[in-house]
Amino acid sequence: MAKGHSFLSHKLHSLLGLFPIGLFLLFHLTANYQATHGAEAFNQTVGLIEKVPLLLIVEFVFIYIPILFHAIYGLYIAFQAKQNVGNFSYFRNQMFLWQRLTGVITLIFIVWHVWSTRIPKAMGVTVNFDMMADILSSPAMIVFYTIGIISTVFHFSNGIWSFLVHWGITVGPRSQRIATYFTMVVFVVVTFIGLRAMSAFIL
């Protein structure tokens, strides 16, 4: 019974990492990328998002609750799981380690990002270009956000590989090797989008 529960939790954990959390990450970074077209373009994008019906409920059901479960179970894995020395190569074991480390870093980054943006919004502060520009006016915050974005995107990209393995989509060495190349491309492209979006707020 315990093994079955763990198996299902593992499956749910990897699934939520992509759907909806991964999709939200791509949407969020793409929305932020509008800042590269100027403050007005970014503010218009935020305005459209704010018009989504029952936005707070949507955020809790499809973002906050999935992230909470993924984070709690991910921390359990990070401190309980061991490297799969007998099952995977040295490279994959390093990815396993970095997946856990970036998971912790990403969690810290998300908590700070929510604290500095969504909490003020709940208190009546307008989320706009100026808010992000103010946050990123500090060199320390630029470094923090750079590390946070790279960590988050790595965790997402490498998580795709884990998802494909756990769900039996990539079974053999060849398919897993192709998946590795694919996730590397995803990491480079999405990291560029995230860092380029961030740079647009640095005045």
Protein backbone atom coordinates (compact mmCIF):
# COMPACT_ATOMS: atom_id res chain seq x y z
CA MET A 1 0.00 0.00 0.00
CA ALA A 2 2.82 2.41 0.93
CA LYS A 3 4.70 1.63 -2.28
CA GLY A 4 1.55 2.13 -4.33
CA HIS A 5 0.89 5.47 -2.65
CA SER A 6 4.50 6.55 -3.27
CA PHE A 7 4.23 5.49 -6.92
CA LEU A 8 1.07 7.55 -7.45
CA SER A 9 2.54 10.54 -5.61
CA HIS A 10 5.64 10.35 -7.81
CA LYS A 11 3.47 10.23 -10.93
CA LEU A 12 1.35 13.17 -9.78
CA HIS A 13 4.45 15.12 -8.79
CA SER A 14 6.02 14.75 -12.26
CA LEU A 15 2.70 15.43 -14.02
CA LEU A 16 2.02 18.64 -12.11
CA GLY A 17 5.56 19.78 -12.86
CA LEU A 18 4.55 20.03 -16.51
CA PHE A 19 0.79 20.46 -16.38
CA PRO A 20 -0.08 23.05 -15.21
CA ILE A 21 3.10 24.40 -13.55
CA GLY A 22 5.38 24.09 -16.60
CA LEU A 23 2.75 25.59 -18.89
CA PHE A 24 2.29 28.47 -16.49
CA LEU A 25 6.06 29.08 -16.44
CA LEU A 26 6.11 29.34 -20.24
CA PHE A 27 3.06 31.61 -20.21
CA HIS A 28 4.50 33.80 -17.43
CA LEU A 29 7.88 34.27 -19.12
CA THR A 30 6.22 34.92 -22.48
CA ALA A 31 3.99 37.55 -20.87
CA ASN A 32 7.02 39.14 -19.21
CA TYR A 33 8.83 39.10 -22.55
CA GLN A 34 6.33 41.71 -23.74
CA ALA A 35 8.37 44.15 -21.66
CA THR A 36 10.99 44.02 -24.42
CA HIS A 37 8.47 45.95 -26.53
CA GLY A 38 8.16 48.67 -23.92
CA ALA A 39 6.34 49.48 -20.70
CA GLU A 40 3.00 50.02 -22.41
CA ALA A 41 3.07 46.58 -24.08
CA PHE A 42 3.82 44.89 -20.76
CA ASN A 43 1.15 46.83 -18.89
CA GLN A 44 -1.42 45.97 -21.56
CA THR A 45 -0.56 42.28 -21.22
CA VAL A 46 -0.94 42.45 -17.44
CA GLY A 47 -4.24 44.27 -17.93
CA LEU A 48 -5.56 41.47 -20.15
CA ILE A 49 -4.56 38.85 -17.59
CA GLU A 50 -6.28 40.80 -14.80
CA LYS A 51 -9.54 40.63 -16.80
CA VAL A 52 -9.65 36.81 -16.65
CA PRO A 53 -12.93 35.83 -14.89
CA LEU A 54 -12.46 34.49 -11.36
CA LEU A 55 -8.72 35.08 -11.67
CA LEU A 56 -7.96 34.44 -7.99
CA ILE A 57 -9.73 31.07 -8.07
CA VAL A 58 -7.96 30.15 -11.30
CA GLU A 59 -4.61 31.07 -9.75
CA PHE A 60 -5.22 28.95 -6.66
CA VAL A 61 -6.56 25.90 -8.52
CA PHE A 62 -4.09 25.85 -11.40
CA ILE A 63 -1.01 27.55 -9.92
CA TYR A 64 -0.70 27.85 -6.15
CA ILE A 65 -2.12 24.46 -5.07
CA PRO A 66 -0.19 22.47 -7.72
CA ILE A 67 3.01 24.34 -6.85
CA LEU A 68 2.43 23.71 -3.14
CA PHE A 69 2.06 19.96 -3.65
CA HIS A 70 4.96 19.82 -6.11
CA ALA A 71 7.18 21.76 -3.70
CA ILE A 72 6.32 19.76 -0.56
CA TYR A 73 6.70 16.38 -2.24
CA GLY A 74 9.77 17.64 -4.10
CA LEU A 75 11.43 18.57 -0.80
CA TYR A 76 10.61 15.10 0.51
CA ILE A 77 12.31 13.58 -2.54
CA ALA A 78 15.27 15.94 -2.24
CA PHE A 79 16.02 14.88 1.33
CA GLN A 80 14.98 11.21 1.10
CA ALA A 81 15.91 9.98 -2.36
CA LYS A 82 19.31 8.57 -3.30
CA GLN A 83 21.14 8.78 -6.59
CA ASN A 84 20.30 6.01 -9.06
CA VAL A 85 23.91 4.87 -9.37
CA GLY A 86 23.03 1.45 -10.67
CA ASN A 87 20.33 2.62 -13.07
CA PHE A 88 21.71 5.69 -14.83
CA SER A 89 24.99 7.13 -16.07
CA TYR A 90 27.24 9.58 -14.23
CA PHE A 91 25.73 12.43 -16.28
CA ARG A 92 22.17 11.45 -15.36
CA ASN A 93 23.11 11.16 -11.70
CA GLN A 94 24.53 14.70 -11.86
CA MET A 95 21.27 15.87 -13.42
CA PHE A 96 19.42 14.07 -10.62
CA LEU A 97 21.47 16.01 -8.06
CA TRP A 98 21.04 19.36 -9.83
CA GLN A 99 17.31 18.75 -10.19
CA ARG A 100 17.05 18.57 -6.40
CA LEU A 101 19.30 21.57 -5.79
CA THR A 102 17.51 23.76 -8.34
CA GLY A 103 14.20 22.65 -6.87
CA VAL A 104 15.15 24.18 -3.52
CA ILE A 105 16.52 27.34 -5.17
CA THR A 106 13.41 27.63 -7.33
CA LEU A 107 11.14 27.32 -4.30
CA ILE A 108 12.99 30.14 -2.53
CA PHE A 109 12.78 32.25 -5.69
CA ILE A 110 9.05 31.63 -6.15
CA VAL A 111 8.28 32.48 -2.52
CA TRP A 112 10.20 35.74 -2.82
CA HIS A 113 8.63 36.59 -6.19
CA VAL A 114 5.11 36.01 -4.84
CA TRP A 115 5.94 38.00 -1.68
CA SER A 116 7.26 40.97 -3.67
CA THR A 117 4.57 41.04 -6.37
CA ARG A 118 1.35 39.12 -5.57
CA ILE A 119 1.15 40.08 -1.89
CA PRO A 120 1.46 43.84 -2.67
CA LYS A 121 -1.18 43.32 -5.39
CA ALA A 122 -3.55 41.82 -2.82
CA MET A 123 -2.98 44.95 -0.73
CA GLY A 124 -3.98 47.22 -3.60
CA VAL A 125 -0.63 47.90 -5.27
CA THR A 126 -0.74 47.87 -9.08
CA VAL A 127 1.36 45.22 -10.79
CA ASN A 128 2.99 46.97 -13.74
CA PHE A 129 6.27 47.70 -15.49
CA ASP A 130 7.32 50.22 -12.84
CA MET A 131 6.92 47.65 -10.05
CA MET A 132 9.32 45.21 -11.73
CA ALA A 133 11.71 48.00 -12.69
CA ASP A 134 11.80 49.09 -9.05
CA ILE A 135 12.48 45.53 -7.84
CA LEU A 136 15.29 45.12 -10.37
CA SER A 137 16.84 48.51 -9.62
CA SER A 138 19.08 46.75 -7.10
CA PRO A 139 22.18 44.90 -8.41
CA ALA A 140 21.59 42.25 -5.72
CA MET A 141 18.08 41.64 -7.06
CA ILE A 142 19.40 41.35 -10.60
CA VAL A 143 21.78 38.61 -9.46
CA PHE A 144 19.03 36.94 -7.41
CA TYR A 145 16.55 36.98 -10.31
CA THR A 146 19.19 35.75 -12.76
CA ILE A 147 19.97 32.77 -10.55
CA GLY A 148 16.26 32.23 -9.91
CA ILE A 149 15.29 32.25 -13.58
CA ILE A 150 18.13 29.94 -14.65
CA SER A 151 17.38 27.58 -11.76
CA THR A 152 13.65 27.51 -12.49
CA VAL A 153 14.11 26.88 -16.20
CA PHE A 154 16.68 24.14 -15.56
CA HIS A 155 14.33 22.46 -13.09
CA PHE A 156 11.52 22.63 -15.66
CA SER A 157 13.64 21.45 -18.59
CA ASN A 158 15.27 18.55 -16.77
CA GLY A 159 11.88 17.77 -15.28
CA ILE A 160 10.59 17.11 -18.81
CA TRP A 161 13.19 14.33 -19.14
CA SER A 162 12.13 12.84 -15.80
CA PHE A 163 8.46 13.05 -16.79
CA LEU A 164 9.08 11.19 -20.05
CA VAL A 165 10.92 8.41 -18.19
CA HIS A 166 8.46 8.10 -15.29
CA TRP A 167 5.48 7.93 -17.63
CA GLY A 168 7.11 5.30 -19.84
CA ILE A 169 7.34 7.53 -22.91
CA THR A 170 11.13 7.25 -23.29
CA VAL A 171 12.11 3.70 -22.37
CA GLY A 172 15.27 2.87 -24.31
CA PRO A 173 18.70 4.56 -24.30
CA ARG A 174 18.17 6.10 -27.76
CA SER A 175 14.86 7.76 -26.90
CA GLN A 176 16.27 9.01 -23.61
CA ARG A 177 19.31 10.45 -25.41
CA ILE A 178 17.04 12.27 -27.87
CA ALA A 179 15.01 13.55 -24.92
CA THR A 180 18.21 14.87 -23.36
CA TYR A 181 19.05 16.87 -26.50
CA PHE A 182 15.48 18.16 -26.69
CA THR A 183 15.46 19.32 -23.07
CA MET A 184 18.82 21.05 -23.57
CA VAL A 185 17.29 23.06 -26.43
CA VAL A 186 14.28 23.88 -24.25
CA PHE A 187 16.60 25.06 -21.48
CA VAL A 188 18.58 27.38 -23.78
CA VAL A 189 15.52 28.87 -25.50
CA VAL A 190 13.39 29.40 -22.39
CA THR A 191 16.35 30.75 -20.40
CA PHE A 192 16.96 33.31 -23.14
CA ILE A 193 13.31 34.38 -23.03
CA GLY A 194 13.40 34.71 -19.24
CA LEU A 195 16.67 36.64 -19.02
CA ARG A 196 15.82 38.85 -21.98
CA ALA A 197 12.48 39.69 -20.34
CA MET A 198 14.24 40.49 -17.08
CA SER A 199 16.74 42.75 -18.82
CA ALA A 200 13.90 44.83 -20.23
CA PHE A 201 13.03 45.99 -16.70
CA ILE A 202 16.58 47.11 -15.93
CA LEU A 203 16.67 50.81 -16.67
